[in-house]
């Protein structure tokens, strides 16, 4: 239960940050451009690599898409989780989190959720 209280606290704070909306718009634009390119909206744009016809929901195209979005997602997750821990020290709340009877697992996953 503590994990969800920490997650809710972070979620409500995250909604007040500009970076949340920047990440959302960035990924929405990336997804829209990627699907438009896959549908042929841009002449000469290739979503998949190779000369033959590859479907956008094919295994090769999905592997490329998941890899690219995964690598960019790791950077975003690092900035979000890093900011959550950094704000504990910035606002002086780390004393409460580290002295309260909260399990490491609850703190970590509550911040990550």
PDB file of N, CA and C in Angstrom:
ATOM      1  N   UNK A   1       0.822  -1.191   0.000  1.00  0.00           N
ATOM      2  CA  UNK A   1       0.000   0.000   0.000  1.00  0.00           C
ATOM      3  C   UNK A   1       0.872   1.264   0.000  1.00  0.00           C
ATOM      4  N   UNK A   2       1.984   1.188   0.689  1.00  0.00           N
ATOM      5  CA  UNK A   2       2.898   2.326   0.742  1.00  0.00           C
ATOM      6  C   UNK A   2       3.439   2.648  -0.639  1.00  0.00           C
ATOM      7  N   UNK A   3       3.689   1.610  -1.422  1.00  0.00           N
ATOM      8  CA  UNK A   3       4.215   1.805  -2.766  1.00  0.00           C
ATOM      9  C   UNK A   3       3.250   2.655  -3.599  1.00  0.00           C
ATOM     10  N   UNK A   4       1.965   2.399  -3.488  1.00  0.00           N
ATOM     11  CA  UNK A   4       0.985   3.149  -4.274  1.00  0.00           C
ATOM     12  C   UNK A   4       0.821   4.579  -3.755  1.00  0.00           C
ATOM     13  N   UNK A   5       1.010   4.797  -2.470  1.00  0.00           N
ATOM     14  CA  UNK A   5       0.964   6.158  -1.931  1.00  0.00           C
ATOM     15  C   UNK A   5       2.131   6.988  -2.462  1.00  0.00           C
ATOM     16  N   UNK A   6       3.308   6.374  -2.536  1.00  0.00           N
ATOM     17  CA  UNK A   6       4.476   7.058  -3.093  1.00  0.00           C
ATOM     18  C   UNK A   6       4.267   7.312  -4.583  1.00  0.00           C
ATOM     19  N   UNK A   7       3.712   6.325  -5.282  1.00  0.00           N
ATOM     20  CA  UNK A   7       3.453   6.488  -6.715  1.00  0.00           C
ATOM     21  C   UNK A   7       2.422   7.599  -6.959  1.00  0.00           C
ATOM     22  N   UNK A   8       1.388   7.674  -6.134  1.00  0.00           N
ATOM     23  CA  UNK A   8       0.378   8.717  -6.300  1.00  0.00           C
ATOM     24  C   UNK A   8       0.970  10.100  -6.026  1.00  0.00           C
ATOM     25  N   UNK A   9       1.826  10.198  -5.016  1.00  0.00           N
ATOM     26  CA  UNK A   9       2.500  11.456  -4.708  1.00  0.00           C
ATOM     27  C   UNK A   9       3.342  11.906  -5.907  1.00  0.00           C
ATOM     28  N   UNK A  10       4.105  10.991  -6.475  1.00  0.00           N
ATOM     29  CA  UNK A  10       4.928  11.333  -7.637  1.00  0.00           C
ATOM     30  C   UNK A  10       4.081  11.681  -8.850  1.00  0.00           C
ATOM     31  N   UNK A  11       2.989  10.953  -9.053  1.00  0.00           N
ATOM     32  CA  UNK A  11       2.117  11.214 -10.193  1.00  0.00           C
ATOM     33  C   UNK A  11       1.506  12.612 -10.113  1.00  0.00           C
ATOM     34  N   UNK A  12       1.040  12.993  -8.928  1.00  0.00           N
ATOM     35  CA  UNK A  12       0.439  14.321  -8.787  1.00  0.00           C
ATOM     36  C   UNK A  12       1.485  15.422  -8.959  1.00  0.00           C
ATOM     37  N   UNK A  13       2.706  15.189  -8.501  1.00  0.00           N
ATOM     38  CA  UNK A  13       3.778  16.178  -8.700  1.00  0.00           C
ATOM     39  C   UNK A  13       4.206  16.214 -10.163  1.00  0.00           C
ATOM     40  N   UNK A  14       4.228  15.065 -10.817  1.00  0.00           N
ATOM     41  CA  UNK A  14       4.670  14.991 -12.206  1.00  0.00           C
ATOM     42  C   UNK A  14       3.700  15.719 -13.131  1.00  0.00           C
ATOM     43  N   UNK A  15       2.414  15.726 -12.803  1.00  0.00           N
ATOM     44  CA  UNK A  15       1.433  16.423 -13.637  1.00  0.00           C
ATOM     45  C   UNK A  15       1.624  17.933 -13.618  1.00  0.00           C
ATOM     46  N   UNK A  16       2.300  18.450 -12.612  1.00  0.00           N
ATOM     47  CA  UNK A  16       2.552  19.887 -12.535  1.00  0.00           C
ATOM     48  C   UNK A  16       3.849  20.301 -13.216  1.00  0.00           C
ATOM     49  N   UNK A  17       4.597  19.352 -13.765  1.00  0.00           N
ATOM     50  CA  UNK A  17       5.872  19.659 -14.409  1.00  0.00           C
ATOM     51  C   UNK A  17       5.706  19.778 -15.923  1.00  0.00           C
ATOM     52  N   UNK A  18       6.413  20.708 -16.509  1.00  0.00           N
ATOM     53  CA  UNK A  18       6.347  20.931 -17.952  1.00  0.00           C
ATOM     54  C   UNK A  18       6.968  19.751 -18.707  1.00  0.00           C
ATOM     55  N   UNK A  19       7.988  19.144 -18.138  1.00  0.00           N
ATOM     56  CA  UNK A  19       8.681  18.057 -18.837  1.00  0.00           C
ATOM     57  C   UNK A  19       7.751  16.881 -19.125  1.00  0.00           C
ATOM     58  N   UNK A  20       6.757  16.655 -18.284  1.00  0.00           N
ATOM     59  CA  UNK A  20       5.795  15.574 -18.532  1.00  0.00           C
ATOM     60  C   UNK A  20       5.076  15.794 -19.855  1.00  0.00           C
ATOM     61  N   UNK A  21       4.639  16.999 -20.083  1.00  0.00           N
ATOM     62  CA  UNK A  21       3.897  17.304 -21.301  1.00  0.00           C
ATOM     63  C   UNK A  21       4.827  17.352 -22.511  1.00  0.00           C
ATOM     64  N   UNK A  22       6.059  17.757 -22.307  1.00  0.00           N
ATOM     65  CA  UNK A  22       7.034  17.745 -23.404  1.00  0.00           C
ATOM     66  C   UNK A  22       7.296  16.312 -23.844  1.00  0.00           C
ATOM     67  N   UNK A  23       7.497  15.396 -22.884  1.00  0.00           N
ATOM     68  CA  UNK A  23       7.707  13.986 -23.235  1.00  0.00           C
ATOM     69  C   UNK A  23       6.484  13.406 -23.932  1.00  0.00           C
ATOM     70  N   UNK A  24       5.296  13.744 -23.441  1.00  0.00           N
ATOM     71  CA  UNK A  24       4.075  13.226 -24.046  1.00  0.00           C
ATOM     72  C   UNK A  24       3.929  13.695 -25.493  1.00  0.00           C
ATOM     73  N   UNK A  25       4.128  14.990 -25.722  1.00  0.00           N
ATOM     74  CA  UNK A  25       4.012  15.535 -27.081  1.00  0.00           C
ATOM     75  C   UNK A  25       5.100  14.966 -27.982  1.00  0.00           C
ATOM     76  N   UNK A  26       6.304  14.813 -27.452  1.00  0.00           N
ATOM     77  CA  UNK A  26       7.411  14.261 -28.238  1.00  0.00           C
ATOM     78  C   UNK A  26       7.115  12.841 -28.706  1.00  0.00           C
ATOM     79  N   UNK A  27       6.658  11.986 -27.801  1.00  0.00           N
ATOM     80  CA  UNK A  27       6.353  10.606 -28.183  1.00  0.00           C
ATOM     81  C   UNK A  27       5.119  10.525 -29.077  1.00  0.00           C
ATOM     82  N   UNK A  28       4.124  11.374 -28.857  1.00  0.00           N
ATOM     83  CA  UNK A  28       2.943  11.376 -29.723  1.00  0.00           C
ATOM     84  C   UNK A  28       3.314  11.814 -31.140  1.00  0.00           C
ATOM     85  N   UNK A  29       4.164  12.829 -31.246  1.00  0.00           N
ATOM     86  CA  UNK A  29       4.613  13.280 -32.564  1.00  0.00           C
ATOM     87  C   UNK A  29       5.472  12.219 -33.243  1.00  0.00           C
ATOM     88  N   UNK A  30       6.346  11.586 -32.483  1.00  0.00           N
ATOM     89  CA  UNK A  30       7.182  10.522 -33.040  1.00  0.00           C
ATOM     90  C   UNK A  30       6.331   9.366 -33.556  1.00  0.00           C
ATOM     91  N   UNK A  31       5.328   8.983 -32.795  1.00  0.00           N
ATOM     92  CA  UNK A  31       4.442   7.900 -33.223  1.00  0.00           C
ATOM     93  C   UNK A  31       3.643   8.296 -34.469  1.00  0.00           C
ATOM     94  N   UNK A  32       3.153   9.520 -34.492  1.00  0.00           N
ATOM     95  CA  UNK A  32       2.391   9.971 -35.655  1.00  0.00           C
ATOM     96  C   UNK A  32       3.230  10.053 -36.914  1.00  0.00           C
ATOM     97  N   UNK A  33       4.433  10.583 -36.787  1.00  0.00           N
ATOM     98  CA  UNK A  33       5.327  10.673 -37.953  1.00  0.00           C
ATOM     99  C   UNK A  33       5.745   9.291 -38.420  1.00  0.00           C
ATOM    100  N   UNK A  34       6.017   8.401 -37.476  1.00  0.00           N
ATOM    101  CA  UNK A  34       6.428   7.038 -37.822  1.00  0.00           C
ATOM    102  C   UNK A  34       5.307   6.317 -38.579  1.00  0.00           C
ATOM    103  N   UNK A  35       4.081   6.435 -38.108  1.00  0.00           N
ATOM    104  CA  UNK A  35       2.967   5.767 -38.782  1.00  0.00           C
ATOM    105  C   UNK A  35       2.657   6.425 -40.127  1.00  0.00           C
ATOM    106  N   UNK A  36       2.809   7.746 -40.212  1.00  0.00           N
ATOM    107  CA  UNK A  36       2.593   8.419 -41.488  1.00  0.00           C
ATOM    108  C   UNK A  36       3.650   7.984 -42.508  1.00  0.00           C
ATOM    109  N   UNK A  37       4.888   7.844 -42.059  1.00  0.00           N
ATOM    110  CA  UNK A  37       5.951   7.381 -42.953  1.00  0.00           C
ATOM    111  C   UNK A  37       5.706   5.940 -43.376  1.00  0.00           C
ATOM    112  N   UNK A  38       5.197   5.132 -42.463  1.00  0.00           N
ATOM    113  CA  UNK A  38       4.901   3.729 -42.804  1.00  0.00           C
ATOM    114  C   UNK A  38       3.754   3.645 -43.795  1.00  0.00           C
ATOM    115  N   UNK A  39       2.830   4.583 -43.710  1.00  0.00           N
ATOM    116  CA  UNK A  39       1.701   4.577 -44.625  1.00  0.00           C
ATOM    117  C   UNK A  39       2.004   5.191 -45.976  1.00  0.00           C
ATOM    118  N   UNK A  40       3.188   5.767 -46.149  1.00  0.00           N
ATOM    119  CA  UNK A  40       3.580   6.316 -47.433  1.00  0.00           C
ATOM    120  C   UNK A  40       3.332   7.803 -47.573  1.00  0.00           C
ATOM    121  N   UNK A  41       3.135   8.509 -46.482  1.00  0.00           N
ATOM    122  CA  UNK A  41       2.867   9.948 -46.555  1.00  0.00           C
ATOM    123  C   UNK A  41       4.087  10.734 -47.014  1.00  0.00           C
ATOM    124  N   UNK A  42       5.278  10.236 -46.717  1.00  0.00           N
ATOM    125  CA  UNK A  42       6.513  10.901 -47.124  1.00  0.00           C
ATOM    126  C   UNK A  42       7.177  10.073 -48.206  1.00  0.00           C
ATOM    127  N   UNK A  43       7.372  10.695 -49.363  1.00  0.00           N
ATOM    128  CA  UNK A  43       8.011   9.937 -50.441  1.00  0.00           C
ATOM    129  C   UNK A  43       9.495   9.784 -50.141  1.00  0.00           C
ATOM    130  N   UNK A  44       9.989   8.592 -50.317  1.00  0.00           N
ATOM    131  CA  UNK A  44      11.403   8.321 -50.075  1.00  0.00           C
ATOM    132  C   UNK A  44      11.726   7.942 -48.645  1.00  0.00           C
ATOM    133  N   UNK A  45      10.761   8.038 -47.728  1.00  0.00           N
ATOM    134  CA  UNK A  45      11.018   7.656 -46.339  1.00  0.00           C
ATOM    135  C   UNK A  45      10.844   6.156 -46.192  1.00  0.00           C
ATOM    136  N   UNK A  46      11.787   5.541 -45.481  1.00  0.00           N
ATOM    137  CA  UNK A  46      11.712   4.096 -45.248  1.00  0.00           C
ATOM    138  C   UNK A  46      11.634   3.854 -43.752  1.00  0.00           C
ATOM    139  N   UNK A  47      10.602   3.178 -43.335  1.00  0.00           N
ATOM    140  CA  UNK A  47      10.457   2.841 -41.930  1.00  0.00           C
ATOM    141  C   UNK A  47      11.312   1.628 -41.606  1.00  0.00           C
ATOM    142  N   UNK A  48      11.392   0.713 -42.525  1.00  0.00           N
ATOM    143  CA  UNK A  48      12.212  -0.482 -42.333  1.00  0.00           C
ATOM    144  C   UNK A  48      13.400  -0.432 -43.284  1.00  0.00           C
ATOM    145  N   UNK A  49      14.411  -1.165 -42.931  1.00  0.00           N
ATOM    146  CA  UNK A  49      15.613  -1.199 -43.746  1.00  0.00           C
ATOM    147  C   UNK A  49      15.601  -2.455 -44.598  1.00  0.00           C
ATOM    148  N   UNK A  50      15.921  -2.315 -45.847  1.00  0.00           N
ATOM    149  CA  UNK A  50      15.917  -3.446 -46.765  1.00  0.00           C
ATOM    150  C   UNK A  50      15.178  -3.073 -48.027  1.00  0.00           C
ATOM    151  N   UNK A  51      15.385  -3.817 -49.064  1.00  0.00           N
ATOM    152  CA  UNK A  51      14.800  -3.489 -50.346  1.00  0.00           C
ATOM    153  C   UNK A  51      13.421  -4.070 -50.563  1.00  0.00           C
ATOM    154  N   UNK A  52      13.113  -5.191 -49.943  1.00  0.00           N
ATOM    155  CA  UNK A  52      11.831  -5.832 -50.200  1.00  0.00           C
ATOM    156  C   UNK A  52      10.724  -5.199 -49.366  1.00  0.00           C
ATOM    157  N   UNK A  53       9.505  -5.528 -49.727  1.00  0.00           N
ATOM    158  CA  UNK A  53       8.359  -4.978 -49.019  1.00  0.00           C
ATOM    159  C   UNK A  53       8.251  -5.634 -47.645  1.00  0.00           C
ATOM    160  N   UNK A  54       8.225  -4.805 -46.609  1.00  0.00           N
ATOM    161  CA  UNK A  54       8.084  -5.311 -45.245  1.00  0.00           C
ATOM    162  C   UNK A  54       6.877  -4.617 -44.632  1.00  0.00           C
ATOM    163  N   UNK A  55       5.972  -5.386 -44.104  1.00  0.00           N
ATOM    164  CA  UNK A  55       4.776  -4.829 -43.489  1.00  0.00           C
ATOM    165  C   UNK A  55       5.134  -4.121 -42.187  1.00  0.00           C
ATOM    166  N   UNK A  56       4.390  -3.085 -41.864  1.00  0.00           N
ATOM    167  CA  UNK A  56       4.674  -2.298 -40.666  1.00  0.00           C
ATOM    168  C   UNK A  56       4.442  -3.111 -39.400  1.00  0.00           C
ATOM    169  N   UNK A  57       3.574  -4.094 -39.451  1.00  0.00           N
ATOM    170  CA  UNK A  57       3.372  -4.950 -38.285  1.00  0.00           C
ATOM    171  C   UNK A  57       4.117  -6.269 -38.420  1.00  0.00           C
ATOM    172  N   UNK A  58       5.086  -6.316 -39.323  1.00  0.00           N
ATOM    173  CA  UNK A  58       5.931  -7.499 -39.474  1.00  0.00           C
ATOM    174  C   UNK A  58       6.961  -7.575 -38.363  1.00  0.00           C
ATOM    175  N   UNK A  59       7.547  -8.733 -38.225  1.00  0.00           N
ATOM    176  CA  UNK A  59       8.487  -8.934 -37.125  1.00  0.00           C
ATOM    177  C   UNK A  59       9.711  -8.037 -37.240  1.00  0.00           C
ATOM    178  N   UNK A  60      10.224  -7.841 -38.419  1.00  0.00           N
ATOM    179  CA  UNK A  60      11.428  -7.019 -38.600  1.00  0.00           C
ATOM    180  C   UNK A  60      11.138  -5.550 -38.300  1.00  0.00           C
ATOM    181  N   UNK A  61      10.041  -5.044 -38.802  1.00  0.00           N
ATOM    182  CA  UNK A  61       9.683  -3.647 -38.552  1.00  0.00           C
ATOM    183  C   UNK A  61       9.372  -3.416 -37.069  1.00  0.00           C
ATOM    184  N   UNK A  62       8.706  -4.368 -36.442  1.00  0.00           N
ATOM    185  CA  UNK A  62       8.424  -4.236 -35.009  1.00  0.00           C
ATOM    186  C   UNK A  62       9.702  -4.295 -34.177  1.00  0.00           C
ATOM    187  N   UNK A  63      10.635  -5.145 -34.572  1.00  0.00           N
ATOM    188  CA  UNK A  63      11.908  -5.225 -33.838  1.00  0.00           C
ATOM    189  C   UNK A  63      12.652  -3.894 -33.904  1.00  0.00           C
ATOM    190  N   UNK A  64      12.667  -3.255 -35.059  1.00  0.00           N
ATOM    191  CA  UNK A  64      13.329  -1.958 -35.196  1.00  0.00           C
ATOM    192  C   UNK A  64      12.598  -0.901 -34.371  1.00  0.00           C
ATOM    193  N   UNK A  65      11.286  -0.876 -34.467  1.00  0.00           N
ATOM    194  CA  UNK A  65      10.495   0.109 -33.727  1.00  0.00           C
ATOM    195  C   UNK A  65      10.635  -0.034 -32.223  1.00  0.00           C
ATOM    196  N   UNK A  66      10.571  -1.262 -31.739  1.00  0.00           N
ATOM    197  CA  UNK A  66      10.699  -1.495 -30.304  1.00  0.00           C
ATOM    198  C   UNK A  66      12.102  -1.133 -29.826  1.00  0.00           C
ATOM    199  N   UNK A  67      13.111  -1.404 -30.631  1.00  0.00           N
ATOM    200  CA  UNK A  67      14.481  -1.065 -30.254  1.00  0.00           C
ATOM    201  C   UNK A  67      14.672   0.445 -30.156  1.00  0.00           C
ATOM    202  N   UNK A  68      14.217   1.164 -31.165  1.00  0.00           N
ATOM    203  CA  UNK A  68      14.375   2.622 -31.161  1.00  0.00           C
ATOM    204  C   UNK A  68      13.604   3.248 -30.008  1.00  0.00           C
ATOM    205  N   UNK A  69      12.344   2.861 -29.841  1.00  0.00           N
ATOM    206  CA  UNK A  69      11.547   3.428 -28.760  1.00  0.00           C
ATOM    207  C   UNK A  69      12.051   2.979 -27.393  1.00  0.00           C
ATOM    208  N   UNK A  70      12.622   1.781 -27.316  1.00  0.00           N
ATOM    209  CA  UNK A  70      13.183   1.312 -26.056  1.00  0.00           C
ATOM    210  C   UNK A  70      14.392   2.117 -25.634  1.00  0.00           C
ATOM    211  N   UNK A  71      15.277   2.405 -26.587  1.00  0.00           N
ATOM    212  CA  UNK A  71      16.463   3.187 -26.258  1.00  0.00           C
ATOM    213  C   UNK A  71      16.104   4.617 -25.849  1.00  0.00           C
ATOM    214  N   UNK A  72      15.168   5.221 -26.550  1.00  0.00           N
ATOM    215  CA  UNK A  72      14.759   6.569 -26.154  1.00  0.00           C
ATOM    216  C   UNK A  72      13.973   6.528 -24.844  1.00  0.00           C
ATOM    217  N   UNK A  73      13.227   5.463 -24.625  1.00  0.00           N
ATOM    218  CA  UNK A  73      12.474   5.321 -23.380  1.00  0.00           C
ATOM    219  C   UNK A  73      13.367   5.172 -22.164  1.00  0.00           C
ATOM    220  N   UNK A  74      14.523   4.530 -22.341  1.00  0.00           N
ATOM    221  CA  UNK A  74      15.457   4.396 -21.224  1.00  0.00           C
ATOM    222  C   UNK A  74      15.968   5.764 -20.798  1.00  0.00           C
ATOM    223  N   UNK A  75      16.229   6.631 -21.754  1.00  0.00           N
ATOM    224  CA  UNK A  75      16.670   7.978 -21.402  1.00  0.00           C
ATOM    225  C   UNK A  75      15.580   8.758 -20.680  1.00  0.00           C
ATOM    226  N   UNK A  76      14.355   8.622 -21.136  1.00  0.00           N
ATOM    227  CA  UNK A  76      13.244   9.328 -20.495  1.00  0.00           C
ATOM    228  C   UNK A  76      13.000   8.768 -19.096  1.00  0.00           C
ATOM    229  N   UNK A  77      13.039   7.445 -18.962  1.00  0.00           N
ATOM    230  CA  UNK A  77      12.849   6.840 -17.635  1.00  0.00           C
ATOM    231  C   UNK A  77      13.942   7.276 -16.665  1.00  0.00           C
ATOM    232  N   UNK A  78      15.171   7.374 -17.168  1.00  0.00           N
ATOM    233  CA  UNK A  78      16.270   7.830 -16.324  1.00  0.00           C
ATOM    234  C   UNK A  78      16.070   9.256 -15.852  1.00  0.00           C
ATOM    235  N   UNK A  79      15.583  10.104 -16.738  1.00  0.00           N
ATOM    236  CA  UNK A  79      15.367  11.497 -16.332  1.00  0.00           C
ATOM    237  C   UNK A  79      14.186  11.625 -15.377  1.00  0.00           C
ATOM    238  N   UNK A  80      13.159  10.837 -15.579  1.00  0.00           N
ATOM    239  CA  UNK A  80      11.993  10.902 -14.691  1.00  0.00           C
ATOM    240  C   UNK A  80      12.338  10.339 -13.316  1.00  0.00           C
ATOM    241  N   UNK A  81      12.954   9.164 -13.268  1.00  0.00           N
ATOM    242  CA  UNK A  81      13.294   8.555 -11.980  1.00  0.00           C
ATOM    243  C   UNK A  81      14.395   9.349 -11.283  1.00  0.00           C
ATOM    244  N   UNK A  82      15.351   9.851 -12.046  1.00  0.00           N
ATOM    245  CA  UNK A  82      16.410  10.661 -11.450  1.00  0.00           C
ATOM    246  C   UNK A  82      15.877  11.941 -10.853  1.00  0.00           C
ATOM    247  N   UNK A  83      14.921  12.543 -11.514  1.00  0.00           N
ATOM    248  CA  UNK A  83      14.306  13.769 -10.999  1.00  0.00           C
ATOM    249  C   UNK A  83      13.529  13.482  -9.718  1.00  0.00           C
ATOM    250  N   UNK A  84      12.886  12.321  -9.654  1.00  0.00           N
ATOM    251  CA  UNK A  84      12.111  11.972  -8.464  1.00  0.00           C
ATOM    252  C   UNK A  84      13.019  11.843  -7.251  1.00  0.00           C
ATOM    253  N   UNK A  85      14.157  11.199  -7.404  1.00  0.00           N
ATOM    254  CA  UNK A  85      15.091  11.047  -6.286  1.00  0.00           C
ATOM    255  C   UNK A  85      15.764  12.382  -5.987  1.00  0.00           C
ATOM    256  N   UNK A  86      16.086  13.149  -7.025  1.00  0.00           N
ATOM    257  CA  UNK A  86      16.754  14.435  -6.830  1.00  0.00           C
ATOM    258  C   UNK A  86      15.853  15.416  -6.076  1.00  0.00           C
ATOM    259  N   UNK A  87      14.557  15.367  -6.328  1.00  0.00           N
ATOM    260  CA  UNK A  87      13.663  16.295  -5.640  1.00  0.00           C
ATOM    261  C   UNK A  87      13.536  15.942  -4.162  1.00  0.00           C
ATOM    262  N   UNK A  88      13.764  14.681  -3.790  1.00  0.00           N
ATOM    263  CA  UNK A  88      13.792  14.337  -2.371  1.00  0.00           C
ATOM    264  C   UNK A  88      14.875  15.124  -1.648  1.00  0.00           C
ATOM    265  N   UNK A  89      16.032  15.207  -2.267  1.00  0.00           N
ATOM    266  CA  UNK A  89      17.136  15.936  -1.652  1.00  0.00           C
ATOM    267  C   UNK A  89      16.959  17.449  -1.788  1.00  0.00           C
ATOM    268  N   UNK A  90      16.360  17.883  -2.881  1.00  0.00           N
ATOM    269  CA  UNK A  90      16.159  19.318  -3.101  1.00  0.00           C
ATOM    270  C   UNK A  90      15.191  19.922  -2.079  1.00  0.00           C
ATOM    271  N   UNK A  91      14.109  19.219  -1.798  1.00  0.00           N
ATOM    272  CA  UNK A  91      13.101  19.723  -0.879  1.00  0.00           C
ATOM    273  C   UNK A  91      13.277  19.213   0.552  1.00  0.00           C
ATOM    274  N   UNK A  92      14.296  18.387   0.767  1.00  0.00           N
ATOM    275  CA  UNK A  92      14.586  17.905   2.108  1.00  0.00           C
ATOM    276  C   UNK A  92      13.631  16.843   2.620  1.00  0.00           C
ATOM    277  N   UNK A  93      12.958  16.132   1.748  1.00  0.00           N
ATOM    278  CA  UNK A  93      12.031  15.091   2.184  1.00  0.00           C
ATOM    279  C   UNK A  93      12.681  13.724   2.297  1.00  0.00           C
ATOM    280  N   UNK A  94      13.950  13.634   1.917  1.00  0.00           N
ATOM    281  CA  UNK A  94      14.597  12.322   1.975  1.00  0.00           C
ATOM    282  C   UNK A  94      14.705  11.825   3.416  1.00  0.00           C
ATOM    283  N   UNK A  95      14.718  12.717   4.393  1.00  0.00           N
ATOM    284  CA  UNK A  95      14.747  12.290   5.793  1.00  0.00           C
ATOM    285  C   UNK A  95      13.505  11.466   6.124  1.00  0.00           C
ATOM    286  N   UNK A  96      12.373  11.895   5.601  1.00  0.00           N
ATOM    287  CA  UNK A  96      11.129  11.181   5.878  1.00  0.00           C
ATOM    288  C   UNK A  96      11.100   9.820   5.198  1.00  0.00           C
ATOM    289  N   UNK A  97      11.553   9.774   3.959  1.00  0.00           N
ATOM    290  CA  UNK A  97      11.530   8.504   3.242  1.00  0.00           C
ATOM    291  C   UNK A  97      12.533   7.509   3.809  1.00  0.00           C
ATOM    292  N   UNK A  98      13.690   8.000   4.239  1.00  0.00           N
ATOM    293  CA  UNK A  98      14.735   7.089   4.711  1.00  0.00           C
ATOM    294  C   UNK A  98      14.567   6.705   6.175  1.00  0.00           C
ATOM    295  N   UNK A  99      13.825   7.488   6.946  1.00  0.00           N
ATOM    296  CA  UNK A  99      13.629   7.157   8.356  1.00  0.00           C
ATOM    297  C   UNK A  99      12.281   6.481   8.612  1.00  0.00           C
ATOM    298  N   UNK A 100      11.361   6.566   7.677  1.00  0.00           N
ATOM    299  CA  UNK A 100      10.052   5.936   7.835  1.00  0.00           C
ATOM    300  C   UNK A 100      10.185   4.430   7.607  1.00  0.00           C
ATOM    301  N   UNK A 101       9.278   3.672   8.168  1.00  0.00           N
ATOM    302  CA  UNK A 101       9.345   2.215   7.967  1.00  0.00           C
ATOM    303  C   UNK A 101       8.840   1.813   6.578  1.00  0.00           C
ATOM    304  N   UNK A 102       9.575   2.232   5.560  1.00  0.00           N
ATOM    305  CA  UNK A 102       9.226   1.914   4.173  1.00  0.00           C
ATOM    306  C   UNK A 102      10.263   0.937   3.656  1.00  0.00           C
ATOM    307  N   UNK A 103       9.811  -0.122   3.052  1.00  0.00           N
ATOM    308  CA  UNK A 103      10.734  -1.102   2.482  1.00  0.00           C
ATOM    309  C   UNK A 103      11.408  -0.505   1.247  1.00  0.00           C
ATOM    310  N   UNK A 104      12.623  -0.944   0.980  1.00  0.00           N
ATOM    311  CA  UNK A 104      13.344  -0.458  -0.208  1.00  0.00           C
ATOM    312  C   UNK A 104      12.551  -0.753  -1.471  1.00  0.00           C
ATOM    313  N   UNK A 105      11.922  -1.913  -1.485  1.00  0.00           N
ATOM    314  CA  UNK A 105      11.136  -2.320  -2.647  1.00  0.00           C
ATOM    315  C   UNK A 105       9.977  -1.348  -2.883  1.00  0.00           C
ATOM    316  N   UNK A 106       9.283  -0.942  -1.818  1.00  0.00           N
ATOM    317  CA  UNK A 106       8.150  -0.011  -1.943  1.00  0.00           C
ATOM    318  C   UNK A 106       8.620   1.347  -2.426  1.00  0.00           C
ATOM    319  N   UNK A 107       9.735   1.825  -1.876  1.00  0.00           N
ATOM    320  CA  UNK A 107      10.257   3.121  -2.284  1.00  0.00           C
ATOM    321  C   UNK A 107      10.679   3.102  -3.754  1.00  0.00           C
ATOM    322  N   UNK A 108      11.432   2.074  -4.135  1.00  0.00           N
ATOM    323  CA  UNK A 108      11.950   1.990  -5.506  1.00  0.00           C
ATOM    324  C   UNK A 108      10.819   1.866  -6.526  1.00  0.00           C
ATOM    325  N   UNK A 109       9.934   0.896  -6.315  1.00  0.00           N
ATOM    326  CA  UNK A 109       8.862   0.687  -7.296  1.00  0.00           C
ATOM    327  C   UNK A 109       7.810   1.787  -7.234  1.00  0.00           C
ATOM    328  N   UNK A 110       7.611   2.397  -6.082  1.00  0.00           N
ATOM    329  CA  UNK A 110       6.701   3.535  -5.987  1.00  0.00           C
ATOM    330  C   UNK A 110       7.207   4.710  -6.793  1.00  0.00           C
ATOM    331  N   UNK A 111       8.517   4.941  -6.774  1.00  0.00           N
ATOM    332  CA  UNK A 111       9.116   5.995  -7.586  1.00  0.00           C
ATOM    333  C   UNK A 111       9.118   5.620  -9.055  1.00  0.00           C
ATOM    334  N   UNK A 112       9.280   4.370  -9.355  1.00  0.00           N
ATOM    335  CA  UNK A 112       9.367   3.932 -10.750  1.00  0.00           C
ATOM    336  C   UNK A 112       8.003   3.906 -11.431  1.00  0.00           C
ATOM    337  N   UNK A 113       6.972   3.558 -10.682  1.00  0.00           N
ATOM    338  CA  UNK A 113       5.619   3.486 -11.269  1.00  0.00           C
ATOM    339  C   UNK A 113       5.226   4.860 -11.766  1.00  0.00           C
TER     340      UNK A 113
END
